[in-house]
Amino acid sequence: MNPNSSTNPTYNKTNKNILKGNILIYSRNTYIENISKSFLINKIIPFEYIDNQINLDNIIKGNNTTIINDTIRLQFIIDLLKKECIKGTSKMISDLSN
């Protein structure tokens, strides 16, 4: 159902390939969250790098008052890994429909 339409709900047909794609996306997101927590706990990506990147993003967006904590660092790692993993997942999903 389309969440943006309140008066005329629309439904998308679900088939095997759509379900496989949704399972891949859910699995990817779950894996990224788990591996990101491991990266943060084991300090695989140095905090200095993460903090500098967050500060850079804040300067670009005009936010200079962000206090950097582990929650913000974790979200940065998740976003970073998602950018890279989306490409592979998209390729796998497109291969399912062929």
Protein backbone atom coordinates (compact mmCIF):
# COMPACT_ATOMS: atom_id res chain seq x y z
CA MET A 1 0.00 0.00 0.00
CA ASN A 2 1.25 3.48 -0.81
CA PRO A 3 1.80 5.38 2.49
CA ASN A 4 1.53 8.76 0.77
CA SER A 5 -1.99 8.14 -0.50
CA SER A 6 -4.65 8.22 2.20
CA THR A 7 -7.78 8.30 0.05
CA ASN A 8 -6.97 5.89 -2.78
CA PRO A 9 -4.74 3.10 -1.56
CA THR A 10 -2.65 1.41 -4.23
CA TYR A 11 -1.16 -2.02 -4.00
CA ASN A 12 1.92 -3.40 -5.66
CA LYS A 13 1.90 -6.93 -6.95
CA THR A 14 4.31 -9.14 -5.11
CA ASN A 15 6.12 -11.87 -6.91
CA LYS A 16 8.99 -14.19 -6.12
CA ASN A 17 11.67 -11.79 -7.42
CA ILE A 18 10.32 -8.85 -5.40
CA LEU A 19 10.33 -10.99 -2.26
CA LYS A 20 13.88 -12.15 -2.96
CA GLY A 21 14.95 -8.53 -3.45
CA ASN A 22 13.30 -7.44 -0.21
CA ILE A 23 14.99 -10.30 1.66
CA LEU A 24 18.36 -9.28 0.21
CA ILE A 25 17.84 -5.66 1.24
CA TYR A 26 16.73 -6.63 4.75
CA SER A 27 19.68 -9.02 5.12
CA ARG A 28 22.10 -6.37 3.85
CA ASN A 29 20.80 -3.74 6.29
CA THR A 30 20.93 -6.15 9.23
CA TYR A 31 24.46 -7.24 8.33
CA ILE A 32 25.62 -3.63 7.92
CA GLU A 33 24.24 -2.69 11.34
CA ASN A 34 25.96 -5.66 13.00
CA ILE A 35 29.30 -5.18 11.27
CA SER A 36 29.18 -1.43 11.97
CA LYS A 37 28.79 -2.11 15.69
CA SER A 38 31.78 -4.43 15.50
CA PHE A 39 33.79 -1.75 13.65
CA LEU A 40 32.95 0.78 16.35
CA ILE A 41 33.70 -1.52 19.29
CA ASN A 42 36.98 -2.77 17.83
CA LYS A 43 37.95 0.70 16.52
CA ILE A 44 38.59 -0.66 13.02
CA ILE A 45 38.06 2.84 11.62
CA PRO A 46 39.98 5.34 13.77
CA PHE A 47 37.77 7.73 15.73
CA GLU A 48 39.89 10.65 14.52
CA TYR A 49 38.95 9.87 10.91
CA ILE A 50 35.27 9.45 11.74
CA ASP A 51 35.19 12.64 13.83
CA ASN A 52 36.93 14.63 11.10
CA GLN A 53 34.46 13.38 8.48
CA ILE A 54 31.49 14.18 10.72
CA ASN A 55 32.87 17.66 11.38
CA LEU A 56 33.39 18.16 7.64
CA ASP A 57 29.80 17.08 6.92
CA ASN A 58 28.56 19.45 9.63
CA ILE A 59 30.51 22.37 8.17
CA ILE A 60 29.11 21.64 4.72
CA LYS A 61 25.56 21.44 6.11
CA GLY A 62 26.06 24.50 8.33
CA ASN A 63 25.76 22.62 11.65
CA ASN A 64 28.70 23.49 13.90
CA THR A 65 27.22 22.50 17.25
CA THR A 66 27.09 18.69 16.98
CA ILE A 67 28.61 16.81 19.89
CA ILE A 68 30.13 13.62 18.52
CA ASN A 69 29.36 10.46 20.48
CA ASP A 70 29.29 6.73 19.72
CA THR A 71 25.73 6.91 18.36
CA ILE A 72 26.73 9.50 15.77
CA ARG A 73 29.90 7.54 14.95
CA LEU A 74 27.87 4.35 14.51
CA GLN A 75 25.45 6.11 12.14
CA PHE A 76 28.41 7.45 10.14
CA ILE A 77 29.85 3.93 9.76
CA ILE A 78 26.43 2.52 8.77
CA ASP A 79 25.99 5.25 6.14
CA LEU A 80 29.51 4.68 4.83
CA LEU A 81 29.04 0.93 4.46
CA LYS A 82 25.56 1.29 2.95
CA LYS A 83 26.94 3.51 0.18
CA GLU A 84 29.31 0.74 -0.84
CA CYS A 85 26.98 -2.22 -0.34
CA ILE A 86 24.00 -0.77 -2.20
CA LYS A 87 25.84 -1.15 -5.51
CA GLY A 88 26.37 -4.88 -5.00
CA THR A 89 22.83 -5.47 -3.79
CA SER A 90 21.40 -3.59 -6.77
CA LYS A 91 23.39 -5.79 -9.13
CA MET A 92 22.17 -8.95 -7.38
CA ILE A 93 18.54 -7.78 -7.49
CA SER A 94 18.75 -6.91 -11.18
CA ASP A 95 20.26 -10.35 -11.86
CA LEU A 96 17.24 -11.95 -10.14
CA SER A 97 14.84 -10.46 -12.67
CA ASN A 98 16.83 -11.63 -15.69
